Amino acid sequence: MTDIELVVGYIRPDRLGAVKRALAEVGAPSLTVTNVSGRGSQPVKKSQWRGEEYTVDLHQKVKVECVVADIPANDVVDAIADAAKTGEAGDGKIFVMPVESAYRIRTGASGTDAV
C-alpha cells in the first residue's frame, strides 16, 4: 500500500500560475489554493498613507495543498520549489505531512482509492 502524504506550500501569489503548471507536469492529482497572510524572513515594509506611517509585517501568500498517493511527494516538492523560486527572501516554504486516512464522500472510497 502506498502512503498518502499532504504537501503544503506557502508561496508568492505571483508564482501561482507557474506552480500550477509544474504540478500538472508531474501529474499531481488535485490542488487546493487559499489566500493567506504571514511573516517569515521577508523584511518588514514601512509605508505612509494619508500622512500616517504604518508597518506591513504580514505579507500576502498563497497556500497550496496537494494530497498525493500515486506519485512521490518529493516530485511534488521539487515541482513547487522550482516553480516558486525567485531567489529572494520571501519565496516561501514547503511542508510534507503524512495523512492517516482519506475518505471520498461521493463514492465512499477510502485510503489511496479516495485520493
C-alpha atoms as a PDB file:
ATOM      1  CA  MET A   1       0.000   0.000   0.000  1.00  0.00           C
ATOM      2  CA  THR A   2       1.302   3.441  -0.944  1.00  0.00           C
ATOM      3  CA  ASP A   3       1.494   6.098   1.755  1.00  0.00           C
ATOM      4  CA  ILE A   4      -0.716   9.153   1.477  1.00  0.00           C
ATOM      5  CA  GLU A   5       1.040  12.471   2.056  1.00  0.00           C
ATOM      6  CA  LEU A   6      -0.048  16.090   2.226  1.00  0.00           C
ATOM      7  CA  VAL A   7       2.299  18.624   0.642  1.00  0.00           C
ATOM      8  CA  VAL A   8       1.669  22.201   1.773  1.00  0.00           C
ATOM      9  CA  GLY A   9       3.496  25.103   0.164  1.00  0.00           C
ATOM     10  CA  TYR A  10       3.372  28.783   1.086  1.00  0.00           C
ATOM     11  CA  ILE A  11       4.385  30.790  -1.985  1.00  0.00           C
ATOM     12  CA  ARG A  12       4.271  34.259  -3.501  1.00  0.00           C
ATOM     13  CA  PRO A  13       0.901  34.958  -5.169  1.00  0.00           C
ATOM     14  CA  ASP A  14       2.553  35.909  -8.467  1.00  0.00           C
ATOM     15  CA  ARG A  15       4.174  32.436  -8.719  1.00  0.00           C
ATOM     16  CA  LEU A  16       0.866  30.518  -8.507  1.00  0.00           C
ATOM     17  CA  GLY A  17       0.468  30.115 -12.276  1.00  0.00           C
ATOM     18  CA  ALA A  18       3.941  28.625 -12.644  1.00  0.00           C
ATOM     19  CA  VAL A  19       3.353  26.292  -9.681  1.00  0.00           C
ATOM     20  CA  LYS A  20       0.048  25.061 -11.139  1.00  0.00           C
ATOM     21  CA  ARG A  21       1.748  24.296 -14.461  1.00  0.00           C
ATOM     22  CA  ALA A  22       4.622  22.499 -12.713  1.00  0.00           C
ATOM     23  CA  LEU A  23       2.218  20.371 -10.659  1.00  0.00           C
ATOM     24  CA  ALA A  24       0.282  19.417 -13.801  1.00  0.00           C
ATOM     25  CA  GLU A  25       3.529  18.308 -15.446  1.00  0.00           C
ATOM     26  CA  VAL A  26       4.363  15.913 -12.575  1.00  0.00           C
ATOM     27  CA  GLY A  27       0.801  14.559 -12.544  1.00  0.00           C
ATOM     28  CA  ALA A  28      -0.353  15.925  -9.188  1.00  0.00           C
ATOM     29  CA  PRO A  29      -3.960  14.744  -8.935  1.00  0.00           C
ATOM     30  CA  SER A  30      -5.564  17.609  -7.014  1.00  0.00           C
ATOM     31  CA  LEU A  31      -4.875  21.037  -5.639  1.00  0.00           C
ATOM     32  CA  THR A  32      -6.361  23.388  -3.059  1.00  0.00           C
ATOM     33  CA  VAL A  33      -5.356  27.054  -3.032  1.00  0.00           C
ATOM     34  CA  THR A  34      -6.010  29.516  -0.198  1.00  0.00           C
ATOM     35  CA  ASN A  35      -5.005  33.168   0.177  1.00  0.00           C
ATOM     36  CA  VAL A  36      -3.174  33.651   3.491  1.00  0.00           C
ATOM     37  CA  SER A  37      -1.027  36.249   5.270  1.00  0.00           C
ATOM     38  CA  GLY A  38       2.124  35.548   7.228  1.00  0.00           C
ATOM     39  CA  ARG A  39       5.613  36.598   8.099  1.00  0.00           C
ATOM     40  CA  GLY A  40       8.982  34.961   7.999  1.00  0.00           C
ATOM     41  CA  SER A  41      12.348  36.085   6.689  1.00  0.00           C
ATOM     42  CA  GLN A  42      10.849  38.650   4.310  1.00  0.00           C
ATOM     43  CA  PRO A  43      11.756  42.185   5.502  1.00  0.00           C
ATOM     44  CA  VAL A  44       9.191  44.443   7.145  1.00  0.00           C
ATOM     45  CA  LYS A  45       7.929  47.233   4.899  1.00  0.00           C
ATOM     46  CA  LYS A  46       7.155  50.733   6.127  1.00  0.00           C
ATOM     47  CA  SER A  47       4.692  52.832   4.154  1.00  0.00           C
ATOM     48  CA  GLN A  48       2.707  56.016   4.510  1.00  0.00           C
ATOM     49  CA  TRP A  49      -0.957  56.576   3.898  1.00  0.00           C
ATOM     50  CA  ARG A  50      -2.594  59.986   4.379  1.00  0.00           C
ATOM     51  CA  GLY A  51       0.406  61.201   6.311  1.00  0.00           C
ATOM     52  CA  GLU A  52       0.427  58.296   8.750  1.00  0.00           C
ATOM     53  CA  GLU A  53       3.295  55.813   8.750  1.00  0.00           C
ATOM     54  CA  TYR A  54       2.392  52.141   9.128  1.00  0.00           C
ATOM     55  CA  THR A  55       4.280  48.863   9.119  1.00  0.00           C
ATOM     56  CA  VAL A  56       3.443  45.893   6.920  1.00  0.00           C
ATOM     57  CA  ASP A  57       4.812  42.811   8.674  1.00  0.00           C
ATOM     58  CA  LEU A  58       2.254  40.301   7.391  1.00  0.00           C
ATOM     59  CA  HIS A  59       2.807  39.551   3.714  1.00  0.00           C
ATOM     60  CA  GLN A  60       0.274  38.106   1.290  1.00  0.00           C
ATOM     61  CA  LYS A  61       0.999  34.472   0.390  1.00  0.00           C
ATOM     62  CA  VAL A  62      -0.812  31.623  -1.314  1.00  0.00           C
ATOM     63  CA  LYS A  63      -1.164  28.296   0.469  1.00  0.00           C
ATOM     64  CA  VAL A  64      -1.055  25.389  -1.982  1.00  0.00           C
ATOM     65  CA  GLU A  65      -2.133  21.970  -0.693  1.00  0.00           C
ATOM     66  CA  CYS A  66      -1.757  18.747  -2.629  1.00  0.00           C
ATOM     67  CA  VAL A  67      -2.564  15.243  -1.355  1.00  0.00           C
ATOM     68  CA  VAL A  68      -0.578  12.539  -3.140  1.00  0.00           C
ATOM     69  CA  ALA A  69      -0.552   8.752  -3.039  1.00  0.00           C
ATOM     70  CA  ASP A  70       0.428   7.502  -6.509  1.00  0.00           C
ATOM     71  CA  ILE A  71       3.296   9.896  -7.154  1.00  0.00           C
ATOM     72  CA  PRO A  72       6.234  10.597  -4.824  1.00  0.00           C
ATOM     73  CA  ALA A  73       5.778  13.601  -2.552  1.00  0.00           C
ATOM     74  CA  ASN A  74       9.372  14.596  -3.372  1.00  0.00           C
ATOM     75  CA  ASP A  75       8.351  15.121  -7.017  1.00  0.00           C
ATOM     76  CA  VAL A  76       5.602  17.492  -5.872  1.00  0.00           C
ATOM     77  CA  VAL A  77       8.001  19.315  -3.525  1.00  0.00           C
ATOM     78  CA  ASP A  78      10.563  19.715  -6.320  1.00  0.00           C
ATOM     79  CA  ALA A  79       7.898  20.989  -8.740  1.00  0.00           C
ATOM     80  CA  ILE A  80       6.639  23.606  -6.266  1.00  0.00           C
ATOM     81  CA  ALA A  81      10.150  24.677  -5.240  1.00  0.00           C
ATOM     82  CA  ASP A  82      11.445  25.012  -8.799  1.00  0.00           C
ATOM     83  CA  ALA A  83       8.396  26.959  -9.986  1.00  0.00           C
ATOM     84  CA  ALA A  84       8.126  29.245  -6.940  1.00  0.00           C
ATOM     85  CA  LYS A  85      11.803  30.161  -6.576  1.00  0.00           C
ATOM     86  CA  THR A  86      12.817  33.744  -7.298  1.00  0.00           C
ATOM     87  CA  GLY A  87      15.996  33.702  -5.222  1.00  0.00           C
ATOM     88  CA  GLU A  88      14.788  36.462  -2.901  1.00  0.00           C
ATOM     89  CA  ALA A  89      13.695  36.417   0.735  1.00  0.00           C
ATOM     90  CA  GLY A  90      10.011  35.533   0.988  1.00  0.00           C
ATOM     91  CA  ASP A  91       9.916  32.783  -1.648  1.00  0.00           C
ATOM     92  CA  GLY A  92       8.082  30.583   0.859  1.00  0.00           C
ATOM     93  CA  LYS A  93       8.284  27.188   2.468  1.00  0.00           C
ATOM     94  CA  ILE A  94       7.049  23.650   1.784  1.00  0.00           C
ATOM     95  CA  PHE A  95       5.977  21.076   4.353  1.00  0.00           C
ATOM     96  CA  VAL A  96       5.232  17.364   3.874  1.00  0.00           C
ATOM     97  CA  MET A  97       2.961  15.565   6.334  1.00  0.00           C
ATOM     98  CA  PRO A  98       1.671  12.003   6.486  1.00  0.00           C
ATOM     99  CA  VAL A  99      -2.073  11.515   6.036  1.00  0.00           C
ATOM    100  CA  GLU A 100      -3.510   8.797   8.235  1.00  0.00           C
ATOM    101  CA  SER A 101      -6.543   8.114   6.062  1.00  0.00           C
ATOM    102  CA  ALA A 102      -8.696   9.594   3.326  1.00  0.00           C
ATOM    103  CA  TYR A 103     -12.397   9.193   2.528  1.00  0.00           C
ATOM    104  CA  ARG A 104     -14.188  10.240  -0.681  1.00  0.00           C
ATOM    105  CA  ILE A 105     -17.668  11.401   0.245  1.00  0.00           C
ATOM    106  CA  ARG A 106     -19.336  10.844  -3.145  1.00  0.00           C
ATOM    107  CA  THR A 107     -18.254   7.231  -3.720  1.00  0.00           C
ATOM    108  CA  GLY A 108     -17.362   6.048  -0.237  1.00  0.00           C
ATOM    109  CA  ALA A 109     -13.859   5.081  -1.370  1.00  0.00           C
ATOM    110  CA  SER A 110     -11.197   5.154   1.310  1.00  0.00           C
ATOM    111  CA  GLY A 111      -7.419   5.033   1.589  1.00  0.00           C
ATOM    112  CA  THR A 112      -5.416   5.604  -1.576  1.00  0.00           C
ATOM    113  CA  ASP A 113      -8.522   4.966  -3.700  1.00  0.00           C
ATOM    114  CA  ALA A 114     -10.003   8.165  -2.270  1.00  0.00           C
ATOM    115  CA  VAL A 115      -7.052  10.228  -3.415  1.00  0.00           C
END
